[in-house]
């Protein structure tokens, strides 16, 4: 088994084409998670399944919600490490505006087939389409790093021991990038899957990102959030082509 890196290639190609098409018409395409306060943000919901010898091993007709033990093991590991890997899935200051519970944001560390607040959703599916949907991923996240982190967590992480939670006990994802950085830096698991050196460099870079904006996000998208996204995220890719 191995990852389909072609999916990440398609994400990057799609963004590039969107930006080029928008520019040709005098516009700018943005992949900010929350460009406007007051309405729902944009996500990069990542649908994921595993296949072995051409067979979808996430499917089990008799399993809970039609998923196999392999799939549930994967889910429980993602839930257990959700806060630690959040900085990978939500790597910008603006991404945490999207994780606002008032706008159907997937900021709750739980799995559900119907609850829009759950970070993991189980779509209705059959043997060919059975999968999990990681809904907390921001559209400006690095798709290669997202897929890598999902795989390493699902295979090598530790299972969440308690999969049945009450509304009062459901934990939430970090509320801002500074909280996410702190959890990322304190995680031994992150060092195991990324390496200590990569972990330190990534955290250091994201701290620079965080320091460009006020710690209190407030109710207005700050210029620094938008400028960083377009000056760095957009132009860095644009200049390669």
C-alpha atoms as a PDB file:
ATOM      1  CA  UNK A   1       0.000   0.000   0.000  1.00  0.00           C
ATOM      2  CA  UNK A   2       1.154   3.521  -0.679  1.00  0.00           C
ATOM      3  CA  UNK A   3      -0.195   7.070  -0.878  1.00  0.00           C
ATOM      4  CA  UNK A   4      -1.616   8.533  -4.060  1.00  0.00           C
ATOM      5  CA  UNK A   5       0.568  11.622  -4.314  1.00  0.00           C
ATOM      6  CA  UNK A   6      -1.193  12.370  -7.598  1.00  0.00           C
ATOM      7  CA  UNK A   7      -4.104  13.699  -5.545  1.00  0.00           C
ATOM      8  CA  UNK A   8      -1.813  16.314  -3.998  1.00  0.00           C
ATOM      9  CA  UNK A   9      -0.450  17.161  -7.448  1.00  0.00           C
ATOM     10  CA  UNK A  10      -4.014  17.768  -8.644  1.00  0.00           C
ATOM     11  CA  UNK A  11      -4.707  20.131  -5.740  1.00  0.00           C
ATOM     12  CA  UNK A  12      -1.669  22.242  -6.584  1.00  0.00           C
ATOM     13  CA  UNK A  13      -2.425  22.190 -10.311  1.00  0.00           C
ATOM     14  CA  UNK A  14      -6.030  23.229  -9.650  1.00  0.00           C
ATOM     15  CA  UNK A  15      -4.894  26.185  -7.548  1.00  0.00           C
ATOM     16  CA  UNK A  16      -2.377  27.256 -10.164  1.00  0.00           C
ATOM     17  CA  UNK A  17      -4.951  27.155 -12.980  1.00  0.00           C
ATOM     18  CA  UNK A  18      -7.473  29.084 -10.856  1.00  0.00           C
ATOM     19  CA  UNK A  19      -4.938  31.817 -10.146  1.00  0.00           C
ATOM     20  CA  UNK A  20      -3.891  32.066 -13.775  1.00  0.00           C
ATOM     21  CA  UNK A  21      -7.496  32.172 -15.005  1.00  0.00           C
ATOM     22  CA  UNK A  22      -8.437  34.801 -12.411  1.00  0.00           C
ATOM     23  CA  UNK A  23      -5.415  36.932 -13.246  1.00  0.00           C
ATOM     24  CA  UNK A  24      -6.248  36.836 -16.968  1.00  0.00           C
ATOM     25  CA  UNK A  25      -9.612  38.422 -16.107  1.00  0.00           C
ATOM     26  CA  UNK A  26      -8.177  41.034 -13.765  1.00  0.00           C
ATOM     27  CA  UNK A  27      -9.060  39.202 -10.560  1.00  0.00           C
ATOM     28  CA  UNK A  28      -7.214  37.383  -7.798  1.00  0.00           C
ATOM     29  CA  UNK A  29      -8.132  33.855  -6.753  1.00  0.00           C
ATOM     30  CA  UNK A  30      -7.783  33.282  -3.028  1.00  0.00           C
ATOM     31  CA  UNK A  31      -7.668  30.105  -1.005  1.00  0.00           C
ATOM     32  CA  UNK A  32      -7.959  31.824   2.343  1.00  0.00           C
ATOM     33  CA  UNK A  33      -9.975  29.639   4.730  1.00  0.00           C
ATOM     34  CA  UNK A  34     -12.034  32.628   5.948  1.00  0.00           C
ATOM     35  CA  UNK A  35     -11.789  35.649   3.628  1.00  0.00           C
ATOM     36  CA  UNK A  36     -15.002  37.179   4.993  1.00  0.00           C
ATOM     37  CA  UNK A  37     -16.162  37.369   8.600  1.00  0.00           C
ATOM     38  CA  UNK A  38     -19.840  36.608   9.110  1.00  0.00           C
ATOM     39  CA  UNK A  39     -20.271  33.767   6.631  1.00  0.00           C
ATOM     40  CA  UNK A  40     -19.034  30.186   6.489  1.00  0.00           C
ATOM     41  CA  UNK A  41     -15.410  29.707   5.513  1.00  0.00           C
ATOM     42  CA  UNK A  42     -13.891  27.373   2.938  1.00  0.00           C
ATOM     43  CA  UNK A  43     -12.363  23.991   3.685  1.00  0.00           C
ATOM     44  CA  UNK A  44     -10.334  21.373   1.856  1.00  0.00           C
ATOM     45  CA  UNK A  45     -12.249  18.305   2.992  1.00  0.00           C
ATOM     46  CA  UNK A  46      -9.933  15.363   2.435  1.00  0.00           C
ATOM     47  CA  UNK A  47     -11.620  12.062   1.560  1.00  0.00           C
ATOM     48  CA  UNK A  48      -9.473   9.058   2.267  1.00  0.00           C
ATOM     49  CA  UNK A  49      -9.587   5.263   1.941  1.00  0.00           C
ATOM     50  CA  UNK A  50      -7.123   2.382   1.824  1.00  0.00           C
ATOM     51  CA  UNK A  51      -6.970  -0.346  -0.809  1.00  0.00           C
ATOM     52  CA  UNK A  52      -5.116  -3.656  -0.861  1.00  0.00           C
ATOM     53  CA  UNK A  53      -4.938  -5.805  -3.998  1.00  0.00           C
ATOM     54  CA  UNK A  54      -7.609  -3.610  -5.535  1.00  0.00           C
ATOM     55  CA  UNK A  55     -10.003  -4.053  -2.610  1.00  0.00           C
ATOM     56  CA  UNK A  56     -11.235  -1.223  -0.398  1.00  0.00           C
ATOM     57  CA  UNK A  57     -10.224  -2.377   3.078  1.00  0.00           C
ATOM     58  CA  UNK A  58     -12.126   0.461   4.750  1.00  0.00           C
ATOM     59  CA  UNK A  59     -15.408  -1.260   3.842  1.00  0.00           C
ATOM     60  CA  UNK A  60     -17.258  -3.802   5.957  1.00  0.00           C
ATOM     61  CA  UNK A  61     -20.943  -4.344   5.305  1.00  0.00           C
ATOM     62  CA  UNK A  62     -21.432  -5.573   8.877  1.00  0.00           C
ATOM     63  CA  UNK A  63     -19.211  -2.966  10.499  1.00  0.00           C
ATOM     64  CA  UNK A  64     -20.363   0.149  12.317  1.00  0.00           C
ATOM     65  CA  UNK A  65     -21.497   2.704   9.702  1.00  0.00           C
ATOM     66  CA  UNK A  66     -20.297   0.285   7.016  1.00  0.00           C
ATOM     67  CA  UNK A  67     -16.640   0.667   7.975  1.00  0.00           C
ATOM     68  CA  UNK A  68     -14.096  -2.019   8.799  1.00  0.00           C
ATOM     69  CA  UNK A  69     -11.976  -2.344  11.922  1.00  0.00           C
ATOM     70  CA  UNK A  70      -9.062  -1.026   9.868  1.00  0.00           C
ATOM     71  CA  UNK A  71     -11.008   2.145   9.116  1.00  0.00           C
ATOM     72  CA  UNK A  72     -12.094   2.618  12.717  1.00  0.00           C
ATOM     73  CA  UNK A  73      -8.536   2.081  13.927  1.00  0.00           C
ATOM     74  CA  UNK A  74      -7.447   4.807  11.504  1.00  0.00           C
ATOM     75  CA  UNK A  75     -10.189   7.154  12.712  1.00  0.00           C
ATOM     76  CA  UNK A  76      -9.429   6.677  16.404  1.00  0.00           C
ATOM     77  CA  UNK A  77      -5.751   7.410  15.832  1.00  0.00           C
ATOM     78  CA  UNK A  78      -6.556  10.619  13.963  1.00  0.00           C
ATOM     79  CA  UNK A  79      -8.881  11.704  16.766  1.00  0.00           C
ATOM     80  CA  UNK A  80      -6.317  10.926  19.437  1.00  0.00           C
ATOM     81  CA  UNK A  81      -3.644  13.075  17.772  1.00  0.00           C
ATOM     82  CA  UNK A  82      -6.020  15.716  16.376  1.00  0.00           C
ATOM     83  CA  UNK A  83      -4.710  18.649  18.411  1.00  0.00           C
ATOM     84  CA  UNK A  84      -1.058  17.747  17.815  1.00  0.00           C
ATOM     85  CA  UNK A  85      -1.389  17.583  14.021  1.00  0.00           C
ATOM     86  CA  UNK A  86      -3.742  20.568  13.794  1.00  0.00           C
ATOM     87  CA  UNK A  87      -0.915  22.948  12.847  1.00  0.00           C
ATOM     88  CA  UNK A  88      -0.211  20.834   9.762  1.00  0.00           C
ATOM     89  CA  UNK A  89      -3.853  20.806   8.686  1.00  0.00           C
ATOM     90  CA  UNK A  90      -4.417  24.471   9.632  1.00  0.00           C
ATOM     91  CA  UNK A  91      -1.124  26.229   9.081  1.00  0.00           C
ATOM     92  CA  UNK A  92      -2.166  29.889   8.817  1.00  0.00           C
ATOM     93  CA  UNK A  93      -3.553  32.504  11.191  1.00  0.00           C
ATOM     94  CA  UNK A  94      -6.671  32.832   9.047  1.00  0.00           C
ATOM     95  CA  UNK A  95      -7.392  29.089   9.187  1.00  0.00           C
ATOM     96  CA  UNK A  96      -8.495  29.405  12.812  1.00  0.00           C
ATOM     97  CA  UNK A  97     -11.160  31.943  11.881  1.00  0.00           C
ATOM     98  CA  UNK A  98     -12.808  29.175   9.899  1.00  0.00           C
ATOM     99  CA  UNK A  99     -12.884  26.874  12.931  1.00  0.00           C
ATOM    100  CA  UNK A 100     -15.675  28.944  14.463  1.00  0.00           C
ATOM    101  CA  UNK A 101     -18.512  26.858  15.974  1.00  0.00           C
ATOM    102  CA  UNK A 102     -21.058  29.512  14.957  1.00  0.00           C
ATOM    103  CA  UNK A 103     -20.539  28.683  11.271  1.00  0.00           C
ATOM    104  CA  UNK A 104     -20.872  24.886  11.084  1.00  0.00           C
ATOM    105  CA  UNK A 105     -17.119  24.563  11.486  1.00  0.00           C
ATOM    106  CA  UNK A 106     -15.586  21.094  11.971  1.00  0.00           C
ATOM    107  CA  UNK A 107     -13.758  22.026  15.173  1.00  0.00           C
ATOM    108  CA  UNK A 108     -14.945  19.183  17.419  1.00  0.00           C
ATOM    109  CA  UNK A 109     -12.629  16.215  17.920  1.00  0.00           C
ATOM    110  CA  UNK A 110     -15.148  13.512  17.095  1.00  0.00           C
ATOM    111  CA  UNK A 111     -16.539  11.427  14.244  1.00  0.00           C
ATOM    112  CA  UNK A 112     -20.094  11.481  12.929  1.00  0.00           C
ATOM    113  CA  UNK A 113     -22.126  10.667   9.841  1.00  0.00           C
ATOM    114  CA  UNK A 114     -24.333  13.745  10.227  1.00  0.00           C
ATOM    115  CA  UNK A 115     -22.875  16.300  12.677  1.00  0.00           C
ATOM    116  CA  UNK A 116     -21.248  19.171  10.760  1.00  0.00           C
ATOM    117  CA  UNK A 117     -19.236  20.104  13.832  1.00  0.00           C
ATOM    118  CA  UNK A 118     -17.264  16.841  13.676  1.00  0.00           C
ATOM    119  CA  UNK A 119     -13.737  16.970  12.308  1.00  0.00           C
ATOM    120  CA  UNK A 120     -14.257  13.530  10.747  1.00  0.00           C
ATOM    121  CA  UNK A 121     -17.346  12.589   8.758  1.00  0.00           C
ATOM    122  CA  UNK A 122     -18.429   9.165   7.523  1.00  0.00           C
ATOM    123  CA  UNK A 123     -20.141   9.630   4.138  1.00  0.00           C
ATOM    124  CA  UNK A 124     -22.821   7.246   2.915  1.00  0.00           C
ATOM    125  CA  UNK A 125     -21.017   4.764   0.684  1.00  0.00           C
ATOM    126  CA  UNK A 126     -20.759   1.270  -0.751  1.00  0.00           C
ATOM    127  CA  UNK A 127     -17.906  -1.195  -1.153  1.00  0.00           C
ATOM    128  CA  UNK A 128     -16.192   0.920  -3.797  1.00  0.00           C
ATOM    129  CA  UNK A 129     -16.683   4.325  -2.186  1.00  0.00           C
ATOM    130  CA  UNK A 130     -16.360   3.638   1.564  1.00  0.00           C
ATOM    131  CA  UNK A 131     -14.073   6.295   3.020  1.00  0.00           C
ATOM    132  CA  UNK A 132     -13.540   8.806   5.784  1.00  0.00           C
ATOM    133  CA  UNK A 133     -13.702  12.563   5.288  1.00  0.00           C
ATOM    134  CA  UNK A 134     -11.312  14.734   7.269  1.00  0.00           C
ATOM    135  CA  UNK A 135     -13.186  18.044   7.295  1.00  0.00           C
ATOM    136  CA  UNK A 136     -10.861  20.176   9.402  1.00  0.00           C
ATOM    137  CA  UNK A 137      -8.229  20.674   6.679  1.00  0.00           C
ATOM    138  CA  UNK A 138      -7.831  24.293   5.526  1.00  0.00           C
ATOM    139  CA  UNK A 139      -7.624  25.093   1.790  1.00  0.00           C
ATOM    140  CA  UNK A 140      -4.232  26.792   2.195  1.00  0.00           C
ATOM    141  CA  UNK A 141      -2.645  23.724   3.810  1.00  0.00           C
ATOM    142  CA  UNK A 142       0.189  21.866   2.070  1.00  0.00           C
ATOM    143  CA  UNK A 143      -1.595  18.860   0.477  1.00  0.00           C
ATOM    144  CA  UNK A 144       1.547  16.714   0.455  1.00  0.00           C
ATOM    145  CA  UNK A 145       2.173  17.299   4.140  1.00  0.00           C
ATOM    146  CA  UNK A 146      -1.515  16.738   4.905  1.00  0.00           C
ATOM    147  CA  UNK A 147      -1.583  13.325   3.197  1.00  0.00           C
ATOM    148  CA  UNK A 148       1.727  12.305   4.736  1.00  0.00           C
ATOM    149  CA  UNK A 149       0.599  13.288   8.226  1.00  0.00           C
ATOM    150  CA  UNK A 150      -2.741  11.517   7.824  1.00  0.00           C
ATOM    151  CA  UNK A 151      -1.007   8.316   6.724  1.00  0.00           C
ATOM    152  CA  UNK A 152       1.641   8.338   9.436  1.00  0.00           C
ATOM    153  CA  UNK A 153      -0.943   9.113  12.107  1.00  0.00           C
ATOM    154  CA  UNK A 154      -3.368   6.455  10.896  1.00  0.00           C
ATOM    155  CA  UNK A 155      -0.687   3.785  10.761  1.00  0.00           C
ATOM    156  CA  UNK A 156       1.652   4.698  13.603  1.00  0.00           C
ATOM    157  CA  UNK A 157      -0.429   6.752  16.020  1.00  0.00           C
ATOM    158  CA  UNK A 158      -2.023   5.669  19.265  1.00  0.00           C
ATOM    159  CA  UNK A 159      -5.738   4.886  19.330  1.00  0.00           C
ATOM    160  CA  UNK A 160      -8.193   7.036  21.232  1.00  0.00           C
ATOM    161  CA  UNK A 161      -9.282   4.707  24.016  1.00  0.00           C
ATOM    162  CA  UNK A 162     -12.761   6.193  24.380  1.00  0.00           C
ATOM    163  CA  UNK A 163     -14.731   6.523  21.159  1.00  0.00           C
ATOM    164  CA  UNK A 164     -18.105   7.262  22.752  1.00  0.00           C
ATOM    165  CA  UNK A 165     -18.359  10.827  24.074  1.00  0.00           C
ATOM    166  CA  UNK A 166     -21.094  13.009  25.455  1.00  0.00           C
ATOM    167  CA  UNK A 167     -21.631  16.556  24.152  1.00  0.00           C
ATOM    168  CA  UNK A 168     -20.199  18.003  27.357  1.00  0.00           C
ATOM    169  CA  UNK A 169     -16.958  16.061  27.084  1.00  0.00           C
ATOM    170  CA  UNK A 170     -16.131  16.446  23.381  1.00  0.00           C
ATOM    171  CA  UNK A 171     -12.783  18.271  23.053  1.00  0.00           C
ATOM    172  CA  UNK A 172     -12.208  21.047  20.546  1.00  0.00           C
ATOM    173  CA  UNK A 173      -9.374  21.772  18.155  1.00  0.00           C
ATOM    174  CA  UNK A 174      -7.039  24.686  19.018  1.00  0.00           C
ATOM    175  CA  UNK A 175      -8.758  28.057  18.876  1.00  0.00           C
ATOM    176  CA  UNK A 176      -5.847  29.973  17.328  1.00  0.00           C
ATOM    177  CA  UNK A 177      -2.495  29.361  15.708  1.00  0.00           C
ATOM    178  CA  UNK A 178      -0.511  30.112  18.881  1.00  0.00           C
ATOM    179  CA  UNK A 179      -2.320  27.350  20.760  1.00  0.00           C
ATOM    180  CA  UNK A 180      -1.760  25.002  17.816  1.00  0.00           C
ATOM    181  CA  UNK A 181       1.960  25.829  17.742  1.00  0.00           C
ATOM    182  CA  UNK A 182       2.301  25.102  21.468  1.00  0.00           C
ATOM    183  CA  UNK A 183       0.605  21.710  21.102  1.00  0.00           C
ATOM    184  CA  UNK A 184       2.687  20.894  18.023  1.00  0.00           C
ATOM    185  CA  UNK A 185       5.960  21.781  19.771  1.00  0.00           C
ATOM    186  CA  UNK A 186       5.141  19.744  22.887  1.00  0.00           C
ATOM    187  CA  UNK A 187       4.197  16.620  20.913  1.00  0.00           C
ATOM    188  CA  UNK A 188       6.580  13.663  21.002  1.00  0.00           C
ATOM    189  CA  UNK A 189       4.488  12.011  18.299  1.00  0.00           C
ATOM    190  CA  UNK A 190       5.170  14.867  15.860  1.00  0.00           C
ATOM    191  CA  UNK A 191       8.907  14.407  16.391  1.00  0.00           C
ATOM    192  CA  UNK A 192       8.495  10.705  15.602  1.00  0.00           C
ATOM    193  CA  UNK A 193       6.698  11.209  12.297  1.00  0.00           C
ATOM    194  CA  UNK A 194       8.427  14.382  11.051  1.00  0.00           C
ATOM    195  CA  UNK A 195      11.779  14.169  12.777  1.00  0.00           C
ATOM    196  CA  UNK A 196      12.953  16.556  15.488  1.00  0.00           C
ATOM    197  CA  UNK A 197      14.771  18.879  13.094  1.00  0.00           C
ATOM    198  CA  UNK A 198      11.798  19.233  10.722  1.00  0.00           C
ATOM    199  CA  UNK A 199       9.489  19.717  13.683  1.00  0.00           C
ATOM    200  CA  UNK A 200      11.577  22.611  15.031  1.00  0.00           C
ATOM    201  CA  UNK A 201      11.906  24.295  11.624  1.00  0.00           C
ATOM    202  CA  UNK A 202       8.197  24.003  10.872  1.00  0.00           C
ATOM    203  CA  UNK A 203       7.216  25.367  14.292  1.00  0.00           C
ATOM    204  CA  UNK A 204       9.696  28.237  13.920  1.00  0.00           C
ATOM    205  CA  UNK A 205       8.313  29.183  10.509  1.00  0.00           C
ATOM    206  CA  UNK A 206       4.726  29.077  11.748  1.00  0.00           C
ATOM    207  CA  UNK A 207       5.658  31.242  14.733  1.00  0.00           C
ATOM    208  CA  UNK A 208       6.856  33.876  12.263  1.00  0.00           C
ATOM    209  CA  UNK A 209       3.482  33.576  10.542  1.00  0.00           C
ATOM    210  CA  UNK A 210       1.671  34.009  13.865  1.00  0.00           C
ATOM    211  CA  UNK A 211       3.772  37.019  14.862  1.00  0.00           C
ATOM    212  CA  UNK A 212       2.614  38.945  11.792  1.00  0.00           C
ATOM    213  CA  UNK A 213      -0.920  39.182  13.202  1.00  0.00           C
ATOM    214  CA  UNK A 214      -2.382  40.205  16.576  1.00  0.00           C
ATOM    215  CA  UNK A 215      -2.941  37.326  18.982  1.00  0.00           C
ATOM    216  CA  UNK A 216      -6.557  38.373  19.371  1.00  0.00           C
ATOM    217  CA  UNK A 217      -8.135  37.829  15.968  1.00  0.00           C
ATOM    218  CA  UNK A 218     -11.157  40.023  16.605  1.00  0.00           C
ATOM    219  CA  UNK A 219     -14.097  40.231  14.228  1.00  0.00           C
ATOM    220  CA  UNK A 220     -12.286  41.701  11.225  1.00  0.00           C
ATOM    221  CA  UNK A 221      -9.879  39.924   8.880  1.00  0.00           C
ATOM    222  CA  UNK A 222      -6.549  41.729   9.296  1.00  0.00           C
ATOM    223  CA  UNK A 223      -4.505  42.971   6.351  1.00  0.00           C
ATOM    224  CA  UNK A 224      -1.534  40.922   7.549  1.00  0.00           C
ATOM    225  CA  UNK A 225      -3.538  37.703   7.125  1.00  0.00           C
ATOM    226  CA  UNK A 226      -4.409  38.516   3.524  1.00  0.00           C
ATOM    227  CA  UNK A 227      -1.035  39.984   2.542  1.00  0.00           C
ATOM    228  CA  UNK A 228       0.891  37.008   3.882  1.00  0.00           C
ATOM    229  CA  UNK A 229      -1.380  34.615   2.004  1.00  0.00           C
ATOM    230  CA  UNK A 230      -1.010  36.402  -1.333  1.00  0.00           C
ATOM    231  CA  UNK A 231       2.598  37.575  -1.008  1.00  0.00           C
ATOM    232  CA  UNK A 232       3.995  34.280   0.220  1.00  0.00           C
ATOM    233  CA  UNK A 233       1.568  31.441  -0.444  1.00  0.00           C
ATOM    234  CA  UNK A 234       0.361  32.584  -3.857  1.00  0.00           C
ATOM    235  CA  UNK A 235       3.460  34.255  -5.264  1.00  0.00           C
ATOM    236  CA  UNK A 236       5.859  31.543  -4.144  1.00  0.00           C
ATOM    237  CA  UNK A 237       3.942  29.058  -6.273  1.00  0.00           C
ATOM    238  CA  UNK A 238       3.281  31.529  -9.091  1.00  0.00           C
ATOM    239  CA  UNK A 239       6.978  32.320  -9.504  1.00  0.00           C
ATOM    240  CA  UNK A 240       7.746  28.672 -10.219  1.00  0.00           C
ATOM    241  CA  UNK A 241       5.757  28.786 -13.476  1.00  0.00           C
END
